[in-house]
Amino acid sequence: MRAVADYEVVLLRHGETHGYDRDGGLTDRGRQQAHERGSALAAELAPGATVRMPHARTARARETAAVMRAALVADRAAGRPLDLGPTYAEPWLDNLRVSVDGAGVEAGTAVGDRLGLVGELPGWAVECDRFDSGHGPSKAAGGPIQYWLRNPMLYFEPPQVAAYRVWRGIISAGASAPDRLVVIASTHSAPRRHRPRRALALTC
């Protein structure tokens, strides 16, 4: 991949969602958050910049990207030209993954599957319980994500791997890039924890 002269990445967590035990979309507040963030970004983007908008494959990340793009389109109509591409699903940006009976699934899906189980639990379900509620006082210090970041787990993807995945998605977005590129990536809080809120300029 050739070097990109001006490559900026904005890595965002999705807006407020209806819950994490299913693939739910955004609440009204979540849509407002996404709209406000899109409007704020529109004011910061240089006229003529090429904007790519990958997102994780969950409904909440997809809707966040769509609402932000709509805000950018409105700004472009107001006289700030952008080369604004469509939103698109990028598997590398997915939420942290859990091995459920040997298959890697998104954490919310694993939690939903676990809620449907009764009786003796398989190892992955026991670990889901530990992730979701077994960390006691650490809830006040960030909840299950902090637990995941600090404790080795057998069935949950390691934080380093999740961070690498997100980084790989960012690099993929820069393939065949123009000289002035902005990647606005909508993802999840877990794999984003090892990256800065506003990424530095990149050379790929």
C-alpha atoms as a PDB file:
ATOM      1  CA  MET A   1       0.000   0.000   0.000  1.00  0.00           C
ATOM      2  CA  ARG A   2       1.373   3.413  -0.894  1.00  0.00           C
ATOM      3  CA  ALA A   3       1.834   6.192   1.656  1.00  0.00           C
ATOM      4  CA  VAL A   4      -1.090   8.520   2.239  1.00  0.00           C
ATOM      5  CA  ALA A   5      -0.017  12.117   2.645  1.00  0.00           C
ATOM      6  CA  ASP A   6      -2.885  13.161   4.918  1.00  0.00           C
ATOM      7  CA  TYR A   7      -4.771  10.266   6.501  1.00  0.00           C
ATOM      8  CA  GLU A   8      -6.867  10.952   9.574  1.00  0.00           C
ATOM      9  CA  VAL A   9      -8.905   8.423  11.543  1.00  0.00           C
ATOM     10  CA  VAL A  10     -11.864   9.177  13.787  1.00  0.00           C
ATOM     11  CA  LEU A  11     -12.665   6.058  15.805  1.00  0.00           C
ATOM     12  CA  LEU A  12     -16.084   6.195  17.457  1.00  0.00           C
ATOM     13  CA  ARG A  13     -18.171   4.097  19.780  1.00  0.00           C
ATOM     14  CA  HIS A  14     -21.790   3.642  18.693  1.00  0.00           C
ATOM     15  CA  GLY A  15     -24.516   5.795  20.259  1.00  0.00           C
ATOM     16  CA  GLU A  16     -26.710   4.706  23.137  1.00  0.00           C
ATOM     17  CA  THR A  17     -28.438   1.420  22.358  1.00  0.00           C
ATOM     18  CA  HIS A  18     -31.478  -0.440  23.665  1.00  0.00           C
ATOM     19  CA  GLY A  19     -29.342  -3.165  25.244  1.00  0.00           C
ATOM     20  CA  TYR A  20     -26.503  -5.606  24.787  1.00  0.00           C
ATOM     21  CA  ASP A  21     -28.270  -8.967  25.028  1.00  0.00           C
ATOM     22  CA  ARG A  22     -29.470  -8.727  21.420  1.00  0.00           C
ATOM     23  CA  ASP A  23     -28.517  -6.878  18.243  1.00  0.00           C
ATOM     24  CA  GLY A  24     -30.556  -3.768  18.964  1.00  0.00           C
ATOM     25  CA  GLY A  25     -30.371  -0.379  17.292  1.00  0.00           C
ATOM     26  CA  LEU A  26     -30.072   3.070  18.811  1.00  0.00           C
ATOM     27  CA  THR A  27     -32.382   4.788  21.234  1.00  0.00           C
ATOM     28  CA  ASP A  28     -33.657   8.281  20.426  1.00  0.00           C
ATOM     29  CA  ARG A  29     -30.841   9.618  22.580  1.00  0.00           C
ATOM     30  CA  GLY A  30     -28.344   7.441  20.697  1.00  0.00           C
ATOM     31  CA  ARG A  31     -29.523   8.832  17.358  1.00  0.00           C
ATOM     32  CA  GLN A  32     -29.214  12.345  18.735  1.00  0.00           C
ATOM     33  CA  GLN A  33     -25.671  11.585  19.914  1.00  0.00           C
ATOM     34  CA  ALA A  34     -24.722  10.301  16.473  1.00  0.00           C
ATOM     35  CA  HIS A  35     -26.300  13.309  14.746  1.00  0.00           C
ATOM     36  CA  GLU A  36     -24.497  15.760  17.017  1.00  0.00           C
ATOM     37  CA  ARG A  37     -21.172  14.000  16.468  1.00  0.00           C
ATOM     38  CA  GLY A  38     -21.704  14.005  12.705  1.00  0.00           C
ATOM     39  CA  SER A  39     -22.505  17.724  12.746  1.00  0.00           C
ATOM     40  CA  ALA A  40     -19.416  18.445  14.840  1.00  0.00           C
ATOM     41  CA  LEU A  41     -17.221  16.446  12.469  1.00  0.00           C
ATOM     42  CA  ALA A  42     -18.713  18.215   9.470  1.00  0.00           C
ATOM     43  CA  ALA A  43     -17.496  21.518  10.855  1.00  0.00           C
ATOM     44  CA  GLU A  44     -13.960  20.121  11.251  1.00  0.00           C
ATOM     45  CA  LEU A  45     -13.479  18.423   7.884  1.00  0.00           C
ATOM     46  CA  ALA A  46     -11.499  20.226   5.237  1.00  0.00           C
ATOM     47  CA  PRO A  47     -13.540  21.020   2.089  1.00  0.00           C
ATOM     48  CA  GLY A  48     -12.851  18.455  -0.604  1.00  0.00           C
ATOM     49  CA  ALA A  49     -11.677  15.732   1.780  1.00  0.00           C
ATOM     50  CA  THR A  50     -12.457  12.141   0.865  1.00  0.00           C
ATOM     51  CA  VAL A  51     -14.476  10.503   3.656  1.00  0.00           C
ATOM     52  CA  ARG A  52     -14.848   6.759   4.132  1.00  0.00           C
ATOM     53  CA  MET A  53     -17.299   5.417   6.696  1.00  0.00           C
ATOM     54  CA  PRO A  54     -16.799   1.760   7.693  1.00  0.00           C
ATOM     55  CA  HIS A  55     -18.750   0.346  10.615  1.00  0.00           C
ATOM     56  CA  ALA A  56     -19.003  -2.818  12.667  1.00  0.00           C
ATOM     57  CA  ARG A  57     -21.710  -5.248  11.619  1.00  0.00           C
ATOM     58  CA  THR A  58     -24.058  -4.708  14.565  1.00  0.00           C
ATOM     59  CA  ALA A  59     -27.272  -2.716  14.189  1.00  0.00           C
ATOM     60  CA  ARG A  60     -26.115  -0.049  16.658  1.00  0.00           C
ATOM     61  CA  ALA A  61     -22.849   0.587  14.805  1.00  0.00           C
ATOM     62  CA  ARG A  62     -24.574   0.557  11.409  1.00  0.00           C
ATOM     63  CA  GLU A  63     -27.219   3.036  12.556  1.00  0.00           C
ATOM     64  CA  THR A  64     -24.598   5.296  14.146  1.00  0.00           C
ATOM     65  CA  ALA A  65     -22.731   5.480  10.843  1.00  0.00           C
ATOM     66  CA  ALA A  66     -25.928   6.153   8.868  1.00  0.00           C
ATOM     67  CA  VAL A  67     -27.045   8.994  11.145  1.00  0.00           C
ATOM     68  CA  MET A  68     -23.598  10.593  11.097  1.00  0.00           C
ATOM     69  CA  ARG A  69     -23.460  10.342   7.320  1.00  0.00           C
ATOM     70  CA  ALA A  70     -26.844  12.063   7.053  1.00  0.00           C
ATOM     71  CA  ALA A  71     -25.455  14.936   9.123  1.00  0.00           C
ATOM     72  CA  LEU A  72     -22.441  15.155   6.817  1.00  0.00           C
ATOM     73  CA  VAL A  73     -24.708  15.156   3.742  1.00  0.00           C
ATOM     74  CA  ALA A  74     -26.704  18.050   5.212  1.00  0.00           C
ATOM     75  CA  ASP A  75     -23.495  19.959   5.823  1.00  0.00           C
ATOM     76  CA  ARG A  76     -22.287  19.286   2.286  1.00  0.00           C
ATOM     77  CA  ALA A  77     -25.584  20.659   0.952  1.00  0.00           C
ATOM     78  CA  ALA A  78     -24.938  23.780   3.009  1.00  0.00           C
ATOM     79  CA  GLY A  79     -21.834  24.524   0.961  1.00  0.00           C
ATOM     80  CA  ARG A  80     -18.924  22.444   2.301  1.00  0.00           C
ATOM     81  CA  PRO A  81     -18.042  19.996  -0.499  1.00  0.00           C
ATOM     82  CA  LEU A  82     -16.864  16.515   0.514  1.00  0.00           C
ATOM     83  CA  ASP A  83     -16.120  13.363  -1.422  1.00  0.00           C
ATOM     84  CA  LEU A  84     -18.423  11.357   0.821  1.00  0.00           C
ATOM     85  CA  GLY A  85     -18.620   7.624   0.211  1.00  0.00           C
ATOM     86  CA  PRO A  86     -21.355   5.289   1.462  1.00  0.00           C
ATOM     87  CA  THR A  87     -21.313   3.610   4.840  1.00  0.00           C
ATOM     88  CA  TYR A  88     -20.220  -0.019   4.662  1.00  0.00           C
ATOM     89  CA  ALA A  89     -19.852  -2.992   6.993  1.00  0.00           C
ATOM     90  CA  GLU A  90     -16.267  -3.843   7.947  1.00  0.00           C
ATOM     91  CA  PRO A  91     -15.883  -7.157   9.853  1.00  0.00           C
ATOM     92  CA  TRP A  92     -12.513  -6.061  11.247  1.00  0.00           C
ATOM     93  CA  LEU A  93     -14.343  -3.403  13.305  1.00  0.00           C
ATOM     94  CA  ASP A  94     -16.657  -5.869  15.043  1.00  0.00           C
ATOM     95  CA  ASN A  95     -17.164  -5.967  18.788  1.00  0.00           C
ATOM     96  CA  LEU A  96     -15.110  -8.363  20.903  1.00  0.00           C
ATOM     97  CA  ARG A  97     -15.668 -11.993  19.995  1.00  0.00           C
ATOM     98  CA  VAL A  98     -16.469 -15.046  22.089  1.00  0.00           C
ATOM     99  CA  SER A  99     -15.858 -18.678  21.157  1.00  0.00           C
ATOM    100  CA  VAL A 100     -19.281 -20.341  21.453  1.00  0.00           C
ATOM    101  CA  ASP A 101     -19.056 -24.081  20.844  1.00  0.00           C
ATOM    102  CA  GLY A 102     -16.007 -23.461  18.679  1.00  0.00           C
ATOM    103  CA  ALA A 103     -17.471 -20.639  16.578  1.00  0.00           C
ATOM    104  CA  GLY A 104     -16.447 -17.010  17.055  1.00  0.00           C
ATOM    105  CA  VAL A 105     -19.491 -14.784  17.673  1.00  0.00           C
ATOM    106  CA  GLU A 106     -20.032 -11.174  18.724  1.00  0.00           C
ATOM    107  CA  ALA A 107     -20.207 -10.731  22.508  1.00  0.00           C
ATOM    108  CA  GLY A 108     -23.838  -9.557  22.488  1.00  0.00           C
ATOM    109  CA  THR A 109     -24.849 -12.644  20.529  1.00  0.00           C
ATOM    110  CA  ALA A 110     -22.999 -14.840  23.021  1.00  0.00           C
ATOM    111  CA  VAL A 111     -24.801 -13.172  25.931  1.00  0.00           C
ATOM    112  CA  GLY A 112     -28.146 -13.700  24.201  1.00  0.00           C
ATOM    113  CA  ASP A 113     -27.300 -17.368  23.599  1.00  0.00           C
ATOM    114  CA  ARG A 114     -26.270 -17.750  27.218  1.00  0.00           C
ATOM    115  CA  LEU A 115     -29.625 -16.377  28.449  1.00  0.00           C
ATOM    116  CA  GLY A 116     -31.369 -19.212  26.632  1.00  0.00           C
ATOM    117  CA  LEU A 117     -29.468 -21.925  28.514  1.00  0.00           C
ATOM    118  CA  VAL A 118     -30.597 -23.805  31.624  1.00  0.00           C
ATOM    119  CA  GLY A 119     -28.950 -26.510  33.683  1.00  0.00           C
ATOM    120  CA  GLU A 120     -25.231 -27.250  33.582  1.00  0.00           C
ATOM    121  CA  LEU A 121     -23.460 -24.567  31.593  1.00  0.00           C
ATOM    122  CA  PRO A 122     -20.646 -25.031  29.053  1.00  0.00           C
ATOM    123  CA  GLY A 123     -17.390 -23.226  29.735  1.00  0.00           C
ATOM    124  CA  TRP A 124     -18.102 -20.309  27.419  1.00  0.00           C
ATOM    125  CA  ALA A 125     -21.425 -19.618  29.185  1.00  0.00           C
ATOM    126  CA  VAL A 126     -19.776 -19.722  32.613  1.00  0.00           C
ATOM    127  CA  GLU A 127     -17.257 -17.201  31.343  1.00  0.00           C
ATOM    128  CA  CYS A 128     -20.065 -15.015  29.963  1.00  0.00           C
ATOM    129  CA  ASP A 129     -21.574 -14.941  33.453  1.00  0.00           C
ATOM    130  CA  ARG A 130     -18.213 -14.006  34.919  1.00  0.00           C
ATOM    131  CA  PHE A 131     -17.775 -11.270  32.310  1.00  0.00           C
ATOM    132  CA  ASP A 132     -21.280  -9.913  32.757  1.00  0.00           C
ATOM    133  CA  SER A 133     -21.733  -9.976  36.517  1.00  0.00           C
ATOM    134  CA  GLY A 134     -18.996 -11.846  38.336  1.00  0.00           C
ATOM    135  CA  HIS A 135     -16.515  -9.028  38.741  1.00  0.00           C
ATOM    136  CA  GLY A 136     -18.203  -7.349  41.701  1.00  0.00           C
ATOM    137  CA  PRO A 137     -16.526  -4.076  42.785  1.00  0.00           C
ATOM    138  CA  SER A 138     -14.893  -3.570  39.393  1.00  0.00           C
ATOM    139  CA  LYS A 139     -18.275  -2.412  38.057  1.00  0.00           C
ATOM    140  CA  ALA A 140     -17.566   0.989  39.605  1.00  0.00           C
ATOM    141  CA  ALA A 141     -14.261   1.104  37.717  1.00  0.00           C
ATOM    142  CA  GLY A 142     -15.665   0.406  34.274  1.00  0.00           C
ATOM    143  CA  GLY A 143     -17.672  -2.793  34.479  1.00  0.00           C
ATOM    144  CA  PRO A 144     -17.198  -5.880  32.337  1.00  0.00           C
ATOM    145  CA  ILE A 145     -14.958  -4.215  29.760  1.00  0.00           C
ATOM    146  CA  GLN A 146     -12.391  -3.348  32.431  1.00  0.00           C
ATOM    147  CA  TYR A 147     -12.621  -6.924  33.680  1.00  0.00           C
ATOM    148  CA  TRP A 148     -11.984  -8.202  30.151  1.00  0.00           C
ATOM    149  CA  LEU A 149      -9.032  -5.864  29.691  1.00  0.00           C
ATOM    150  CA  ARG A 150      -7.311  -6.993  32.887  1.00  0.00           C
ATOM    151  CA  ASN A 151      -8.110 -10.698  33.232  1.00  0.00           C
ATOM    152  CA  PRO A 152      -7.063 -13.517  30.869  1.00  0.00           C
ATOM    153  CA  MET A 153     -10.113 -15.409  29.617  1.00  0.00           C
ATOM    154  CA  LEU A 154     -10.342 -18.759  27.837  1.00  0.00           C
ATOM    155  CA  TYR A 155     -13.286 -18.068  25.522  1.00  0.00           C
ATOM    156  CA  PHE A 156     -13.144 -14.294  25.038  1.00  0.00           C
ATOM    157  CA  GLU A 157     -10.896 -12.783  22.405  1.00  0.00           C
ATOM    158  CA  PRO A 158      -7.842 -11.149  24.039  1.00  0.00           C
ATOM    159  CA  PRO A 159      -7.842  -7.324  24.047  1.00  0.00           C
ATOM    160  CA  GLN A 160      -4.654  -7.229  21.980  1.00  0.00           C
ATOM    161  CA  VAL A 161      -6.300  -9.266  19.223  1.00  0.00           C
ATOM    162  CA  ALA A 162      -9.389  -7.044  19.218  1.00  0.00           C
ATOM    163  CA  ALA A 163      -7.214  -3.939  18.970  1.00  0.00           C
ATOM    164  CA  TYR A 164      -5.265  -5.492  16.103  1.00  0.00           C
ATOM    165  CA  ARG A 165      -8.519  -6.268  14.281  1.00  0.00           C
ATOM    166  CA  VAL A 166      -9.669  -2.658  14.510  1.00  0.00           C
ATOM    167  CA  TRP A 167      -6.288  -1.449  13.314  1.00  0.00           C
ATOM    168  CA  ARG A 168      -6.501  -3.849  10.374  1.00  0.00           C
ATOM    169  CA  GLY A 169      -9.903  -2.413   9.464  1.00  0.00           C
ATOM    170  CA  ILE A 170      -8.490   1.099   9.519  1.00  0.00           C
ATOM    171  CA  ILE A 171      -5.624   0.072   7.244  1.00  0.00           C
ATOM    172  CA  SER A 172      -8.085  -1.620   4.877  1.00  0.00           C
ATOM    173  CA  ALA A 173     -10.059   1.605   4.600  1.00  0.00           C
ATOM    174  CA  GLY A 174      -6.935   3.352   3.354  1.00  0.00           C
ATOM    175  CA  ALA A 175      -6.320   1.004   0.429  1.00  0.00           C
ATOM    176  CA  SER A 176      -6.009   2.917  -2.864  1.00  0.00           C
ATOM    177  CA  ALA A 177      -6.581   6.102  -0.907  1.00  0.00           C
ATOM    178  CA  PRO A 178      -6.306   9.644  -2.236  1.00  0.00           C
ATOM    179  CA  ASP A 179      -3.837  12.053  -0.693  1.00  0.00           C
ATOM    180  CA  ARG A 180      -6.369  13.554   1.728  1.00  0.00           C
ATOM    181  CA  LEU A 181      -8.460  10.904   3.461  1.00  0.00           C
ATOM    182  CA  VAL A 182     -10.628  10.853   6.576  1.00  0.00           C
ATOM    183  CA  VAL A 183     -11.855   7.509   7.899  1.00  0.00           C
ATOM    184  CA  ILE A 184     -14.810   7.778  10.282  1.00  0.00           C
ATOM    185  CA  ALA A 185     -15.114   4.302  11.809  1.00  0.00           C
ATOM    186  CA  SER A 186     -18.104   3.339  13.970  1.00  0.00           C
ATOM    187  CA  THR A 187     -17.281   0.464  16.284  1.00  0.00           C
ATOM    188  CA  HIS A 188     -17.644  -0.638  19.917  1.00  0.00           C
ATOM    189  CA  SER A 189     -16.128   0.401  23.215  1.00  0.00           C
ATOM    190  CA  ALA A 190     -14.303  -2.872  23.890  1.00  0.00           C
ATOM    191  CA  PRO A 191     -11.945  -3.100  20.883  1.00  0.00           C
ATOM    192  CA  ARG A 192     -11.557   0.682  20.924  1.00  0.00           C
ATOM    193  CA  ARG A 193     -10.065   0.805  24.429  1.00  0.00           C
ATOM    194  CA  HIS A 194      -6.504   0.337  23.156  1.00  0.00           C
ATOM    195  CA  ARG A 195      -6.840   3.177  20.631  1.00  0.00           C
ATOM    196  CA  PRO A 196      -6.988   6.936  21.254  1.00  0.00           C
ATOM    197  CA  ARG A 197     -10.363   8.682  20.918  1.00  0.00           C
ATOM    198  CA  ARG A 198      -8.999  10.745  18.055  1.00  0.00           C
ATOM    199  CA  ALA A 199      -6.305   8.859  16.189  1.00  0.00           C
ATOM    200  CA  LEU A 200      -3.119  10.504  15.004  1.00  0.00           C
ATOM    201  CA  ALA A 201      -2.336  11.006  11.323  1.00  0.00           C
ATOM    202  CA  LEU A 202      -1.252   7.723   9.796  1.00  0.00           C
ATOM    203  CA  THR A 203       1.137   6.583   7.125  1.00  0.00           C
ATOM    204  CA  CYS A 204       0.269   3.203   5.572  1.00  0.00           C
END
